[in-house]
């Protein structure tokens, strides 16, 4: 059983790129990582000396990657989505303009068959992970911030049963969609995760950077950063808010966390007893948050800002993608 108290690092793979996204091939220790040079990198983390295999295709940051039935799907700041064979790298489908602006991220349904992408056009699009067909388009976020600057749609997450999809933006607004109907099921606000400087910079920082539904689908974790004094730096406290999304109630804010910076990725552990949150400022962190005691039960520093996390079926092992490295961890005694 996965136990955060048994956390240990198994592997660390250094890279010259910034690594923005990560996906694991089920039943294996192979991951695909999206990088700042427009490449995917395939890595077998089970071997002592990892030799990353470069897979070109994008012209900018690769901000989302997913695996499904022998295919790898990627998206990025070049607005592209690419479907390819995971073994050969041969492209089977390529959309030059999957979104009108930068694609910020990708979420995958629990059964793997649907992908949700979000971008700076403030639209969430849902795709068939196998065929690449567009299933649905969801538009419920404002194009501009309250201060009349362009907003960003950073993140999305499917509920475990696939019936709902959450999206979240720069100013701290969350929309939970009834996926089948394409209608809004709930709207939530996390304003503490958005900082506006009206004087020195006339600029903002923050936004909701990660979302995760609890295993029973009743709670929604929202990750970002608390209020910031100097918006030129990621000096706000890392922040997680836990909502009972159906009632709209904020069940608990984890607002006294040790680390500064953005919470870029989250995942509930088995049974929903704890939550892993990863992110960073100039350096990175991993935090395991106990949902019963409402405290952090395990913290781990990481050398660089972490952008994504991918875990195996029972969460006994997981990998993170960061500025310049992949980290691979175990949470069992052996």
Protein backbone atom coordinates (compact mmCIF):
# COMPACT_ATOMS: atom_id res chain seq x y z
CA UNK A 1 0.00 0.00 0.00
CA UNK A 2 1.21 3.49 -0.84
CA UNK A 3 2.44 5.25 2.29
CA UNK A 4 3.84 8.81 2.08
CA UNK A 5 5.96 8.07 5.16
CA UNK A 6 7.92 5.59 3.02
CA UNK A 7 8.71 8.15 0.31
CA UNK A 8 12.09 7.67 -1.35
CA UNK A 9 13.63 8.77 -4.61
CA UNK A 10 14.47 5.96 -7.01
CA UNK A 11 15.72 7.87 -10.01
CA UNK A 12 16.52 11.35 -11.25
CA UNK A 13 17.05 12.12 -14.93
CA UNK A 14 18.60 15.48 -15.79
CA UNK A 15 17.64 17.33 -18.96
CA UNK A 16 18.58 20.72 -20.47
CA UNK A 17 14.92 21.50 -21.23
CA UNK A 18 12.03 22.67 -19.07
CA UNK A 19 9.67 19.70 -18.73
CA UNK A 20 6.04 20.78 -18.66
CA UNK A 21 3.95 17.61 -18.86
CA UNK A 22 4.18 13.88 -18.19
CA UNK A 23 2.17 10.73 -18.90
CA UNK A 24 2.80 7.10 -17.96
CA UNK A 25 2.23 3.98 -20.03
CA UNK A 26 -0.07 1.78 -17.89
CA UNK A 27 1.53 -1.35 -16.45
CA UNK A 28 5.06 -0.10 -17.14
CA UNK A 29 7.68 2.30 -15.82
CA UNK A 30 7.83 4.17 -19.11
CA UNK A 31 6.84 7.84 -19.25
CA UNK A 32 6.46 10.41 -22.01
CA UNK A 33 7.49 13.94 -21.09
CA UNK A 34 6.62 17.18 -22.95
CA UNK A 35 9.44 19.73 -23.14
CA UNK A 36 10.22 23.36 -23.91
CA UNK A 37 12.06 22.48 -27.14
CA UNK A 38 8.87 21.16 -28.77
CA UNK A 39 9.84 17.50 -28.33
CA UNK A 40 8.39 14.61 -26.42
CA UNK A 41 10.90 12.42 -24.61
CA UNK A 42 10.27 8.76 -23.96
CA UNK A 43 11.99 7.45 -20.81
CA UNK A 44 12.13 3.96 -19.32
CA UNK A 45 12.56 4.66 -15.61
CA UNK A 46 13.09 0.99 -14.74
CA UNK A 47 16.68 0.97 -16.02
CA UNK A 48 19.71 2.25 -14.17
CA UNK A 49 20.89 4.51 -16.98
CA UNK A 50 17.92 6.20 -18.63
CA UNK A 51 18.43 7.19 -22.25
CA UNK A 52 15.64 9.59 -23.29
CA UNK A 53 14.36 9.16 -26.85
CA UNK A 54 13.40 12.45 -28.54
CA UNK A 55 10.18 12.63 -30.56
CA UNK A 56 9.86 15.94 -32.47
CA UNK A 57 6.64 17.47 -33.72
CA UNK A 58 5.78 20.71 -31.91
CA UNK A 59 7.24 24.18 -32.46
CA UNK A 60 6.88 25.38 -28.88
CA UNK A 61 6.31 24.24 -25.29
CA UNK A 62 4.57 20.85 -25.04
CA UNK A 63 2.13 21.50 -22.20
CA UNK A 64 0.01 18.35 -22.32
CA UNK A 65 0.59 14.66 -23.00
CA UNK A 66 -1.59 11.56 -22.59
CA UNK A 67 -1.38 7.84 -23.41
CA UNK A 68 -4.29 5.69 -24.62
CA UNK A 69 -4.36 2.29 -26.32
CA UNK A 70 -0.94 2.51 -27.90
CA UNK A 71 -1.21 6.17 -28.87
CA UNK A 72 0.42 9.28 -27.46
CA UNK A 73 -1.46 12.57 -27.71
CA UNK A 74 0.31 15.88 -27.15
CA UNK A 75 -0.57 19.58 -27.23
CA UNK A 76 1.29 22.84 -26.74
CA UNK A 77 1.79 26.56 -27.11
CA UNK A 78 1.91 26.15 -30.89
CA UNK A 79 -1.88 25.43 -30.67
CA UNK A 80 -1.33 21.96 -32.14
CA UNK A 81 -2.59 18.56 -31.05
CA UNK A 82 -0.76 15.50 -32.37
CA UNK A 83 -1.80 11.84 -32.23
CA UNK A 84 0.97 9.32 -32.85
CA UNK A 85 1.89 5.67 -32.37
CA UNK A 86 3.63 5.35 -29.00
CA UNK A 87 6.13 2.79 -30.27
CA UNK A 88 7.08 4.19 -33.67
CA UNK A 89 6.29 7.88 -33.21
CA UNK A 90 4.41 7.87 -36.53
CA UNK A 91 1.78 10.63 -36.61
CA UNK A 92 -1.78 9.49 -37.35
CA UNK A 93 -3.56 12.82 -36.82
CA UNK A 94 -2.39 16.41 -36.46
CA UNK A 95 -4.55 19.46 -35.78
CA UNK A 96 -2.71 22.69 -36.59
CA UNK A 97 -5.18 24.88 -34.67
CA UNK A 98 -6.86 22.78 -32.01
CA UNK A 99 -7.31 26.07 -30.12
CA UNK A 100 -7.18 29.68 -31.22
CA UNK A 101 -4.40 30.54 -28.77
CA UNK A 102 -1.81 28.77 -26.60
CA UNK A 103 -2.97 25.44 -25.19
CA UNK A 104 -2.21 25.49 -21.48
CA UNK A 105 -2.97 21.92 -20.48
CA UNK A 106 -4.69 18.59 -21.01
CA UNK A 107 -6.75 16.32 -18.75
CA UNK A 108 -7.68 12.68 -19.36
CA UNK A 109 -10.81 10.85 -18.20
CA UNK A 110 -10.43 7.91 -15.80
CA UNK A 111 -11.20 5.40 -18.56
CA UNK A 112 -8.63 7.12 -20.78
CA UNK A 113 -11.00 7.61 -23.69
CA UNK A 114 -11.58 11.36 -23.48
CA UNK A 115 -9.18 14.29 -23.41
CA UNK A 116 -9.96 17.85 -22.35
CA UNK A 117 -7.72 20.71 -23.51
CA UNK A 118 -7.80 24.29 -22.24
CA UNK A 119 -6.18 27.38 -23.65
CA UNK A 120 -5.88 31.14 -23.75
CA UNK A 121 -8.91 31.32 -26.05
CA UNK A 122 -10.82 30.55 -22.79
CA UNK A 123 -12.45 27.45 -24.28
CA UNK A 124 -12.31 23.84 -23.13
CA UNK A 125 -12.51 21.28 -25.91
CA UNK A 126 -13.15 17.57 -25.33
CA UNK A 127 -11.72 15.04 -27.77
CA UNK A 128 -11.93 11.34 -28.45
CA UNK A 129 -8.52 10.09 -27.30
CA UNK A 130 -8.41 7.38 -29.96
CA UNK A 131 -9.78 9.03 -33.09
CA UNK A 132 -9.09 12.71 -32.37
CA UNK A 133 -12.71 13.66 -33.08
CA UNK A 134 -14.02 16.76 -31.30
CA UNK A 135 -16.78 15.69 -28.90
CA UNK A 136 -17.72 18.92 -27.19
CA UNK A 137 -16.76 22.57 -26.74
CA UNK A 138 -17.36 24.28 -23.41
CA UNK A 139 -17.18 28.06 -23.09
CA UNK A 140 -18.03 29.53 -19.70
CA UNK A 141 -15.07 31.69 -18.66
CA UNK A 142 -14.61 35.41 -19.28
CA UNK A 143 -12.15 36.43 -21.96
CA UNK A 144 -10.79 39.26 -19.78
CA UNK A 145 -9.90 39.73 -16.13
CA UNK A 146 -11.89 42.25 -14.06
CA UNK A 147 -9.07 44.72 -14.84
CA UNK A 148 -9.53 44.35 -18.60
CA UNK A 149 -6.49 42.25 -19.39
CA UNK A 150 -6.57 38.92 -21.27
CA UNK A 151 -7.37 36.00 -18.98
CA UNK A 152 -6.03 32.44 -19.23
CA UNK A 153 -7.72 29.05 -18.84
CA UNK A 154 -5.06 26.98 -17.12
CA UNK A 155 -6.41 23.60 -16.11
CA UNK A 156 -9.15 20.97 -16.27
CA UNK A 157 -10.05 17.69 -14.54
CA UNK A 158 -12.61 14.93 -15.09
CA UNK A 159 -14.59 13.42 -12.23
CA UNK A 160 -13.86 9.71 -11.63
CA UNK A 161 -17.20 8.63 -13.15
CA UNK A 162 -16.67 10.86 -16.19
CA UNK A 163 -19.97 12.66 -15.68
CA UNK A 164 -18.44 16.00 -14.74
CA UNK A 165 -15.54 18.12 -15.91
CA UNK A 166 -14.04 21.06 -14.02
CA UNK A 167 -12.18 23.99 -15.60
CA UNK A 168 -10.42 26.89 -13.87
CA UNK A 169 -8.90 30.21 -14.88
CA UNK A 170 -6.50 33.01 -14.00
CA UNK A 171 -8.82 35.00 -11.74
CA UNK A 172 -9.81 32.05 -9.55
CA UNK A 173 -13.10 31.01 -11.14
CA UNK A 174 -13.99 27.32 -11.39
CA UNK A 175 -16.76 25.92 -13.57
CA UNK A 176 -18.00 22.34 -13.08
CA UNK A 177 -19.73 21.06 -16.19
CA UNK A 178 -22.34 18.36 -16.60
CA UNK A 179 -20.40 16.70 -19.35
CA UNK A 180 -23.22 14.83 -21.10
CA UNK A 181 -25.52 17.86 -21.22
CA UNK A 182 -22.79 20.42 -21.83
CA UNK A 183 -24.31 22.64 -19.13
CA UNK A 184 -22.88 24.25 -15.99
CA UNK A 185 -23.49 22.15 -12.87
CA UNK A 186 -21.70 24.46 -10.41
CA UNK A 187 -19.60 27.63 -10.24
CA UNK A 188 -16.99 28.21 -7.55
CA UNK A 189 -14.60 31.03 -6.67
CA UNK A 190 -11.07 30.96 -5.22
CA UNK A 191 -10.17 34.69 -5.24
CA UNK A 192 -7.21 34.25 -2.88
CA UNK A 193 -5.33 32.63 -5.77
CA UNK A 194 -5.34 35.82 -7.87
CA UNK A 195 -3.26 38.93 -7.06
CA UNK A 196 -3.67 42.23 -8.90
CA UNK A 197 -1.14 45.03 -8.49
CA UNK A 198 -2.93 48.28 -9.42
CA UNK A 199 0.03 50.61 -8.79
CA UNK A 200 3.59 49.45 -9.33
CA UNK A 201 3.05 47.04 -12.22
CA UNK A 202 -0.62 47.16 -13.27
CA UNK A 203 -0.33 43.46 -13.73
CA UNK A 204 -1.55 40.24 -12.09
CA UNK A 205 -0.15 36.89 -11.04
CA UNK A 206 -1.47 33.57 -9.86
CA UNK A 207 -4.52 31.77 -11.10
CA UNK A 208 -5.74 28.24 -10.51
CA UNK A 209 -3.09 25.91 -11.93
CA UNK A 210 -4.40 22.47 -10.96
CA UNK A 211 -7.63 20.61 -10.18
CA UNK A 212 -8.42 17.13 -8.86
CA UNK A 213 -11.67 15.35 -7.94
CA UNK A 214 -11.71 13.07 -4.91
CA UNK A 215 -12.16 9.34 -5.64
CA UNK A 216 -15.85 9.51 -4.65
CA UNK A 217 -16.33 12.57 -6.87
CA UNK A 218 -17.81 14.69 -4.07
CA UNK A 219 -14.88 17.00 -3.41
CA UNK A 220 -12.81 19.14 -5.73
CA UNK A 221 -9.26 20.19 -4.84
CA UNK A 222 -8.11 23.51 -6.29
CA UNK A 223 -4.40 24.37 -6.44
CA UNK A 224 -2.57 27.65 -6.92
CA UNK A 225 -0.81 30.29 -4.85
CA UNK A 226 -1.98 32.70 -2.16
CA UNK A 227 -1.78 36.48 -2.28
CA UNK A 228 1.55 37.93 -3.42
CA UNK A 229 3.29 41.12 -2.30
CA UNK A 230 5.70 41.51 -5.21
CA UNK A 231 4.06 40.12 -8.34
CA UNK A 232 7.40 39.90 -10.15
CA UNK A 233 8.16 36.79 -8.06
CA UNK A 234 6.33 33.61 -7.02
CA UNK A 235 6.54 34.56 -3.35
CA UNK A 236 2.99 33.72 -2.31
CA UNK A 237 2.38 30.63 -0.19
CA UNK A 238 1.44 27.49 -2.07
CA UNK A 239 -2.31 27.07 -1.57
CA UNK A 240 -4.86 24.28 -1.88
CA UNK A 241 -8.59 24.73 -1.33
CA UNK A 242 -10.92 21.77 -0.93
CA UNK A 243 -14.54 22.28 -2.02
CA UNK A 244 -17.73 20.31 -1.62
CA UNK A 245 -18.45 21.38 -5.16
CA UNK A 246 -22.13 20.40 -5.26
CA UNK A 247 -23.03 22.67 -2.33
CA UNK A 248 -20.36 25.23 -3.16
CA UNK A 249 -18.98 25.06 0.37
CA UNK A 250 -15.25 25.46 0.98
CA UNK A 251 -14.54 22.37 3.07
CA UNK A 252 -11.03 23.45 3.98
CA UNK A 253 -8.31 25.80 2.77
CA UNK A 254 -4.74 24.55 3.15
CA UNK A 255 -3.42 28.09 3.47
CA UNK A 256 -0.51 27.64 5.87
CA UNK A 257 1.68 25.39 3.78
CA UNK A 258 5.45 25.51 4.17
CA UNK A 259 6.46 26.28 0.60
CA UNK A 260 6.11 29.27 -1.68
CA UNK A 261 4.97 29.04 -5.28
CA UNK A 262 2.31 27.57 -7.51
CA UNK A 263 0.62 24.20 -7.00
CA UNK A 264 0.94 22.87 -10.55
CA UNK A 265 -0.33 19.32 -10.12
CA UNK A 266 -2.43 17.27 -7.68
CA UNK A 267 -3.60 13.69 -7.22
CA UNK A 268 -5.68 12.02 -4.52
CA UNK A 269 -4.18 8.94 -2.94
CA UNK A 270 -6.00 5.60 -2.59
CA UNK A 271 -9.31 6.01 -0.77
CA UNK A 272 -9.01 9.80 -0.81
CA UNK A 273 -7.28 9.94 2.57
CA UNK A 274 -4.50 12.20 1.38
CA UNK A 275 -3.67 14.49 -1.51
CA UNK A 276 -0.33 14.91 -3.28
CA UNK A 277 0.38 18.49 -4.37
CA UNK A 278 3.45 19.44 -6.44
CA UNK A 279 4.77 22.75 -7.76
CA UNK A 280 7.26 25.41 -6.82
CA UNK A 281 8.79 28.85 -7.29
CA UNK A 282 12.53 28.86 -8.16
CA UNK A 283 12.73 25.40 -6.55
CA UNK A 284 10.20 22.60 -6.27
CA UNK A 285 8.15 20.79 -3.65
CA UNK A 286 6.06 17.70 -3.01
CA UNK A 287 3.47 17.86 -0.24
CA UNK A 288 1.19 15.11 1.07
CA UNK A 289 -1.87 16.66 2.70
CA UNK A 290 -3.92 14.61 5.16
CA UNK A 291 -7.60 15.34 4.53
CA UNK A 292 -8.71 14.23 7.98
CA UNK A 293 -6.23 16.15 10.12
CA UNK A 294 -6.11 19.02 7.58
CA UNK A 295 -2.31 19.09 7.89
CA UNK A 296 0.68 18.24 5.79
CA UNK A 297 1.86 14.74 6.68
CA UNK A 298 4.97 14.68 4.49
CA UNK A 299 6.95 17.36 2.65
CA UNK A 300 9.84 16.92 0.26
CA UNK A 301 11.99 19.56 -1.41
CA UNK A 302 12.84 19.13 -5.08
CA UNK A 303 15.60 20.96 -6.89
CA UNK A 304 13.42 22.64 -9.51
CA UNK A 305 9.86 23.86 -10.05
CA UNK A 306 7.62 20.82 -10.72
CA UNK A 307 5.03 21.08 -13.50
CA UNK A 308 3.37 17.68 -13.55
CA UNK A 309 2.95 14.29 -11.89
CA UNK A 310 2.03 10.80 -13.14
CA UNK A 311 1.48 7.78 -10.87
CA UNK A 312 0.98 4.05 -11.29
CA UNK A 313 -2.26 2.14 -10.60
CA UNK A 314 -1.90 1.83 -6.81
CA UNK A 315 0.14 5.04 -6.36
CA UNK A 316 3.09 3.06 -4.98
CA UNK A 317 5.30 4.82 -7.53
CA UNK A 318 5.08 8.17 -9.28
CA UNK A 319 7.14 10.45 -11.50
CA UNK A 320 7.34 14.25 -11.68
CA UNK A 321 8.40 16.57 -14.51
CA UNK A 322 10.21 19.79 -13.65
CA UNK A 323 12.64 22.42 -14.88
CA UNK A 324 15.52 20.29 -16.10
CA UNK A 325 14.75 16.91 -14.60
CA UNK A 326 12.41 13.98 -14.07
CA UNK A 327 12.14 12.52 -10.58
CA UNK A 328 10.91 8.99 -9.88
CA UNK A 329 9.67 8.03 -6.40
CA UNK A 330 8.46 5.02 -4.45
CA UNK A 331 6.12 4.91 -1.45
CA UNK A 332 6.53 1.31 -0.32
CA UNK A 333 9.02 -0.39 2.02
CA UNK A 334 10.70 -2.52 -0.66
